[in-house]
N, C-alpha and C. Protein backbone atom coordinates (compact mmCIF):
# COMPACT_ATOMS: atom_id res chain seq x y z
N MET A 1 61.92 76.21 68.26
CA MET A 1 61.88 78.12 68.26
C MET A 1 62.72 78.80 68.51
N ARG A 2 62.35 79.94 68.26
CA ARG A 2 63.31 80.79 68.00
C ARG A 2 62.79 82.85 68.75
N ALA A 3 63.06 83.40 69.01
CA ALA A 3 63.16 84.57 69.45
C ALA A 3 62.66 85.30 67.69
N GLU A 4 62.33 86.22 68.07
CA GLU A 4 61.19 87.37 67.01
C GLU A 4 61.65 88.51 67.70
N LEU A 5 62.00 89.48 66.78
CA LEU A 5 61.92 91.34 67.16
C LEU A 5 60.85 91.42 66.72
N ARG A 6 59.86 92.23 67.81
CA ARG A 6 58.67 93.06 67.04
C ARG A 6 58.69 93.94 67.41
N GLY A 7 59.40 95.00 68.24
CA GLY A 7 59.42 96.59 67.67
C GLY A 7 60.85 96.97 69.07
N LEU A 8 60.77 98.28 68.70
CA LEU A 8 62.01 99.11 69.48
C LEU A 8 61.59 100.33 69.83
N ASP A 9 61.91 101.05 70.91
CA ASP A 9 61.28 101.97 71.84
C ASP A 9 62.28 102.81 72.79
N SER A 10 62.16 104.00 72.31
CA SER A 10 62.91 104.98 73.66
C SER A 10 62.12 105.79 73.90
N ASP A 11 62.62 105.80 75.30
CA ASP A 11 62.00 107.22 76.07
C ASP A 11 62.81 108.72 75.61
N ASP A 12 63.92 108.08 75.51
CA ASP A 12 65.31 109.03 74.85
C ASP A 12 65.12 109.56 73.31
N ALA A 13 63.72 109.09 72.62
CA ALA A 13 63.67 109.20 71.22
C ALA A 13 62.35 109.34 71.08
N LEU A 14 61.59 110.25 71.62
CA LEU A 14 60.09 110.49 71.31
C LEU A 14 59.44 110.33 70.10
N ALA A 15 60.11 111.20 69.20
CA ALA A 15 59.99 111.08 68.17
C ALA A 15 60.25 110.00 66.95
N GLY A 16 60.92 109.12 68.23
CA GLY A 16 61.31 107.66 67.56
C GLY A 16 62.26 106.87 66.90
N LEU A 17 63.10 106.24 67.05
CA LEU A 17 64.37 105.91 67.10
C LEU A 17 64.87 105.92 65.48
N GLU A 18 63.93 105.78 64.53
CA GLU A 18 64.15 105.53 63.10
C GLU A 18 64.71 106.96 62.50
N SER A 19 64.31 108.50 63.42
CA SER A 19 64.65 109.57 63.23
C SER A 19 65.42 110.19 64.36
N PHE A 20 65.95 109.92 65.29
CA PHE A 20 66.59 110.04 66.27
C PHE A 20 68.05 110.50 65.91
N ARG A 21 68.67 111.85 66.49
CA ARG A 21 69.98 111.77 65.72
C ARG A 21 70.38 112.70 66.79
N PRO A 22 71.55 111.99 67.49
CA PRO A 22 72.10 112.48 68.69
C PRO A 22 73.23 114.15 68.20
N GLU A 23 73.20 114.42 68.88
CA GLU A 23 73.96 115.82 68.29
C GLU A 23 75.61 115.36 68.31
N ASP A 24 75.93 114.48 68.55
CA ASP A 24 77.11 113.80 68.11
C ASP A 24 77.13 112.15 68.15
N ALA A 25 77.19 111.62 66.61
CA ALA A 25 76.91 110.07 66.39
C ALA A 25 78.14 109.24 67.01
N ASP A 26 79.08 109.50 67.23
CA ASP A 26 80.16 108.95 67.44
C ASP A 26 79.90 109.19 69.48
N VAL A 27 79.01 110.15 70.21
CA VAL A 27 79.24 109.85 71.74
C VAL A 27 78.01 110.29 72.37
N PHE A 28 77.23 108.96 72.65
CA PHE A 28 75.83 108.80 72.56
C PHE A 28 75.66 107.56 73.50
N ALA A 29 74.27 107.69 74.02
CA ALA A 29 74.00 106.76 75.01
C ALA A 29 72.32 107.13 75.69
N LEU A 30 71.53 105.89 75.19
CA LEU A 30 69.64 105.93 75.61
C LEU A 30 69.74 104.64 75.87
N ALA A 31 68.70 104.89 75.95
CA ALA A 31 68.00 103.20 77.11
C ALA A 31 67.10 102.95 76.21
N VAL A 32 66.70 102.04 75.33
CA VAL A 32 66.22 100.97 74.21
C VAL A 32 65.18 99.80 74.85
N GLY A 33 63.90 99.62 74.59
CA GLY A 33 63.19 98.76 74.83
C GLY A 33 62.99 98.30 73.90
N ALA A 34 63.19 96.60 73.86
CA ALA A 34 62.93 95.99 72.84
C ALA A 34 61.99 94.80 72.84
N SER A 35 60.85 94.89 71.91
CA SER A 35 59.87 93.87 72.59
C SER A 35 60.36 92.38 71.38
N ILE A 36 60.11 91.58 72.01
CA ILE A 36 60.91 90.36 71.31
C ILE A 36 59.59 89.06 72.09
N GLY A 37 59.46 88.45 71.13
CA GLY A 37 58.27 87.50 71.49
C GLY A 37 59.15 86.25 70.40
N PRO A 38 58.03 85.01 70.78
CA PRO A 38 58.30 83.67 70.09
C PRO A 38 58.14 83.59 68.63
N SER A 39 58.82 82.96 68.03
CA SER A 39 58.52 83.14 66.32
C SER A 39 57.19 82.80 66.05
N GLU A 40 56.96 81.52 66.85
CA GLU A 40 55.81 80.81 66.58
C GLU A 40 54.47 80.79 67.53
N GLY A 41 54.37 82.59 67.67
CA GLY A 41 53.24 82.44 68.59
C GLY A 41 53.13 84.21 68.46
N PRO A 42 51.57 84.52 69.46
CA PRO A 42 51.72 86.00 69.44
C PRO A 42 52.20 86.52 70.88
N GLY A 43 52.34 87.62 71.11
CA GLY A 43 53.00 87.98 72.68
C GLY A 43 54.01 88.33 72.33
N ALA A 44 55.01 89.10 73.17
CA ALA A 44 56.03 89.77 73.47
C ALA A 44 56.53 89.77 74.86
N ASP A 45 57.94 90.04 75.26
CA ASP A 45 58.40 90.60 76.62
C ASP A 45 59.30 91.95 76.18
N LEU A 46 59.71 92.40 77.02
CA LEU A 46 60.59 93.44 76.91
C LEU A 46 61.84 93.09 77.53
N PHE A 47 62.35 93.89 77.11
CA PHE A 47 64.02 93.49 77.28
C PHE A 47 64.97 95.08 76.84
N TYR A 48 65.69 95.13 78.15
CA TYR A 48 65.70 96.30 77.87
C TYR A 48 67.33 97.17 77.57
N PHE A 49 68.07 97.65 76.67
CA PHE A 49 69.25 98.12 76.94
C PHE A 49 69.50 99.31 76.86
N HIS A 50 71.07 99.77 77.29
CA HIS A 50 71.30 100.78 76.96
C HIS A 50 72.29 100.71 75.82
N VAL A 51 72.43 101.62 75.14
CA VAL A 51 72.82 101.65 73.94
C VAL A 51 73.61 102.99 74.18
N CYS A 52 74.90 102.42 73.55
CA CYS A 52 75.82 103.69 73.73
C CYS A 52 76.91 103.38 72.81
N SER A 53 77.84 104.46 72.78
CA SER A 53 79.10 104.73 72.23
C SER A 53 80.40 104.32 72.82
N PRO A 54 81.55 103.68 72.11
CA PRO A 54 82.19 103.14 73.39
C PRO A 54 83.27 104.62 73.38
N ARG A 55 82.76 105.70 72.49
CA ARG A 55 83.61 107.41 73.41
C ARG A 55 82.39 107.24 74.54
N TRP A 56 81.21 107.74 74.44
CA TRP A 56 80.68 107.75 75.59
C TRP A 56 80.90 107.00 77.05
N ILE A 57 81.34 105.90 76.82
CA ILE A 57 81.77 105.15 77.97
C ILE A 57 83.00 105.79 78.21
N GLU A 58 83.79 106.19 77.60
CA GLU A 58 85.31 106.95 77.44
C GLU A 58 85.80 108.13 78.21
N GLU A 59 83.73 109.30 77.89
CA GLU A 59 83.70 110.21 78.54
C GLU A 59 82.99 110.10 79.60
N ASN A 60 82.73 109.12 80.14
CA ASN A 60 81.83 108.88 81.66
C ASN A 60 81.86 108.07 82.17
N PRO A 61 83.34 107.68 82.52
CA PRO A 61 84.17 106.55 83.31
C PRO A 61 83.45 105.97 84.39
N PRO A 62 83.11 104.89 84.68
CA PRO A 62 82.57 104.60 85.74
C PRO A 62 83.24 105.63 87.24
N PRO A 63 82.28 105.52 88.29
CA PRO A 63 82.68 106.30 89.61
C PRO A 63 83.63 105.62 90.43
N LYS A 64 83.53 104.27 90.68
CA LYS A 64 84.56 103.65 91.60
C LYS A 64 86.04 103.00 90.09
N GLY A 65 85.67 103.20 89.19
CA GLY A 65 86.64 102.59 88.05
C GLY A 65 86.92 101.10 87.69
N PHE A 66 85.48 100.72 87.73
CA PHE A 66 84.70 99.45 86.90
C PHE A 66 83.63 99.55 87.23
N GLU A 67 82.92 98.65 86.22
CA GLU A 67 81.51 98.66 86.13
C GLU A 67 81.04 97.38 85.49
N PHE A 68 80.00 96.42 85.69
CA PHE A 68 79.96 95.28 85.29
C PHE A 68 78.44 96.02 84.29
N MET A 69 78.59 95.36 83.20
CA MET A 69 78.05 95.85 81.51
C MET A 69 76.86 95.24 81.38
N HIS A 70 76.21 94.48 82.10
CA HIS A 70 75.09 93.55 81.61
C HIS A 70 73.69 94.55 81.02
N SER A 71 73.61 94.16 79.98
CA SER A 71 72.34 94.99 79.23
C SER A 71 72.82 96.08 78.35
N TYR A 72 74.45 96.41 78.28
CA TYR A 72 74.76 97.31 77.49
C TYR A 72 74.88 96.77 76.14
N LEU A 73 74.66 97.52 74.57
CA LEU A 73 75.44 97.44 73.23
C LEU A 73 75.85 98.50 73.47
N VAL A 74 76.58 98.25 72.63
CA VAL A 74 77.93 99.49 72.29
C VAL A 74 78.25 99.21 70.84
N LEU A 75 77.62 100.35 70.04
CA LEU A 75 77.64 100.76 68.53
C LEU A 75 78.74 101.55 68.32
N SER A 76 79.46 101.44 68.02
CA SER A 76 80.63 102.37 67.51
C SER A 76 80.16 103.67 66.83
N ARG A 77 79.14 103.70 66.02
CA ARG A 77 78.39 104.98 66.35
C ARG A 77 76.71 104.83 66.25
N TRP A 78 76.14 106.28 66.30
CA TRP A 78 74.83 105.99 65.65
C TRP A 78 74.43 105.43 64.60
N ASN A 79 73.64 104.60 64.47
CA ASN A 79 72.83 104.19 63.02
C ASN A 79 71.94 103.31 63.52
N TYR A 80 70.31 103.81 63.34
CA TYR A 80 69.14 103.15 63.29
C TYR A 80 69.35 101.55 62.85
N ALA A 81 70.52 101.17 61.59
CA ALA A 81 69.47 100.45 61.54
C ALA A 81 71.17 99.87 61.71
N THR A 82 71.95 99.67 62.37
CA THR A 82 72.85 99.02 62.79
C THR A 82 72.55 98.40 64.59
N LEU A 83 71.64 99.15 65.25
CA LEU A 83 70.77 98.74 66.17
C LEU A 83 70.04 97.67 65.86
N LEU A 84 69.27 97.85 64.68
CA LEU A 84 68.36 96.79 64.47
C LEU A 84 68.54 95.81 64.22
N ARG A 85 69.82 95.75 63.27
CA ARG A 85 70.25 94.19 62.65
C ARG A 85 71.16 94.18 64.15
N ALA A 86 71.69 94.51 64.71
CA ALA A 86 72.15 93.61 65.97
C ALA A 86 71.12 93.16 66.73
N LEU A 87 69.70 93.79 66.98
CA LEU A 87 69.17 92.78 68.12
C LEU A 87 67.94 92.11 66.98
N THR A 88 67.85 92.05 65.94
CA THR A 88 67.23 90.89 64.73
C THR A 88 68.51 89.96 64.93
N ASP A 89 69.80 89.96 65.11
CA ASP A 89 70.82 88.85 64.73
C ASP A 89 71.18 87.70 66.33
N LEU A 90 70.70 88.93 66.99
CA LEU A 90 70.19 88.05 68.55
C LEU A 90 69.19 87.52 68.64
N CYS A 91 68.25 87.85 68.16
CA CYS A 91 67.15 87.10 67.97
C CYS A 91 67.46 85.83 67.40
N LEU A 92 67.42 85.95 66.17
CA LEU A 92 67.60 84.99 64.80
C LEU A 92 68.72 83.74 65.43
N HIS A 93 69.30 84.14 66.41
CA HIS A 93 70.53 83.40 66.89
C HIS A 93 69.98 82.84 68.47
N THR A 94 69.01 82.85 69.22
CA THR A 94 68.46 82.79 70.19
C THR A 94 67.38 81.90 69.89
N GLU A 95 67.28 80.42 70.07
CA GLU A 95 66.80 79.45 69.97
C GLU A 95 66.37 78.81 71.12
N GLY A 96 65.24 77.94 71.60
CA GLY A 96 65.49 77.44 72.62
C GLY A 96 63.33 76.15 72.51
N GLU A 97 63.62 74.98 74.07
CA GLU A 97 62.10 74.38 73.66
C GLU A 97 61.11 75.04 73.66
N ASP A 98 61.05 76.39 74.33
CA ASP A 98 59.74 77.23 74.74
C ASP A 98 60.32 78.36 75.14
N TRP A 99 58.83 79.43 75.31
CA TRP A 99 59.41 81.04 75.22
C TRP A 99 60.49 81.61 76.83
N GLU A 100 60.14 80.31 78.02
CA GLU A 100 60.77 80.92 78.54
C GLU A 100 62.24 80.32 78.77
N GLN A 101 62.89 79.13 77.97
CA GLN A 101 64.07 78.79 77.70
C GLN A 101 64.83 80.06 76.95
N ILE A 102 64.01 80.55 75.88
CA ILE A 102 64.61 81.43 74.73
C ILE A 102 64.82 83.20 75.76
N ALA A 103 63.65 83.24 76.51
CA ALA A 103 63.59 85.02 77.36
C ALA A 103 65.14 84.37 78.21
N MET A 104 65.19 83.37 79.13
CA MET A 104 66.41 82.74 80.13
C MET A 104 67.67 83.74 79.27
N LYS A 105 67.94 82.59 77.53
CA LYS A 105 68.87 83.11 76.78
C LYS A 105 68.95 84.47 76.79
N LEU A 106 67.89 85.14 76.84
CA LEU A 106 68.05 86.84 75.90
C LEU A 106 68.88 87.88 77.00
N SER A 107 67.75 86.88 78.39
CA SER A 107 68.24 87.83 79.26
C SER A 107 69.77 87.93 79.85
N ARG A 108 70.81 87.21 79.29
CA ARG A 108 72.47 87.34 79.32
C ARG A 108 72.33 88.71 78.92
N TYR A 109 71.87 89.25 77.65
CA TYR A 109 72.40 90.31 77.07
C TYR A 109 71.79 91.43 77.07
N GLY A 110 70.24 91.44 77.52
CA GLY A 110 69.47 92.39 78.14
C GLY A 110 68.48 92.34 79.47
N ALA A 111 68.07 93.38 79.81
CA ALA A 111 67.37 92.93 81.02
C ALA A 111 65.95 93.01 80.93
N TRP A 112 65.79 92.01 81.50
CA TRP A 112 64.28 90.97 80.90
C TRP A 112 63.43 91.88 82.24
N GLU A 113 62.19 92.05 81.66
CA GLU A 113 61.44 92.85 82.51
C GLU A 113 60.63 91.16 83.42
N PHE A 114 60.45 90.14 83.27
CA PHE A 114 60.71 89.17 84.18
C PHE A 114 61.63 88.67 85.06
N GLU A 115 62.54 89.40 84.44
CA GLU A 115 64.23 88.55 85.49
C GLU A 115 63.98 88.12 86.92
N ASP A 116 63.58 89.24 87.85
CA ASP A 116 63.46 89.04 89.15
C ASP A 116 62.28 88.39 89.41
N TYR A 117 61.55 88.21 88.44
CA TYR A 117 59.92 87.75 88.66
C TYR A 117 59.79 86.41 89.48
N ARG A 118 59.14 86.09 90.91
CA ARG A 118 59.05 84.98 91.34
C ARG A 118 57.27 85.24 91.74
N GLU A 119 56.89 83.70 91.96
CA GLU A 119 55.26 83.77 91.63
C GLU A 119 55.40 83.52 93.38
N GLU A 120 53.90 84.19 93.65
CA GLU A 120 53.93 83.78 95.20
C GLU A 120 53.31 82.50 95.31
N THR A 121 53.41 82.26 96.20
CA THR A 121 52.65 80.99 96.72
C THR A 121 52.22 80.90 97.91
């Protein structure tokens, strides 16, 4: 079984990511939610990414001089097709015995909505 990208959404691009145009395609940052599910069945979980450019990082340096970068996806410049290709490729190369295994692997790259979920007993 492998992961399958089902959709992309962003509160920073209310008209949709396909039509999103930052002021400067070389300096941008936005939050993106990716709906990803198992290739062999219905349903999807959300994985969140901070999508930004290297120049945005350069112009917004970490306040303490360092930053851990879990869930960041860096695009050299804004291009929806590149974003789509990056996340589709991630899904195509993420396999596992079941959805939980796949989701755990994907959570190394994006923030999984159930990442810290603990069932109450």
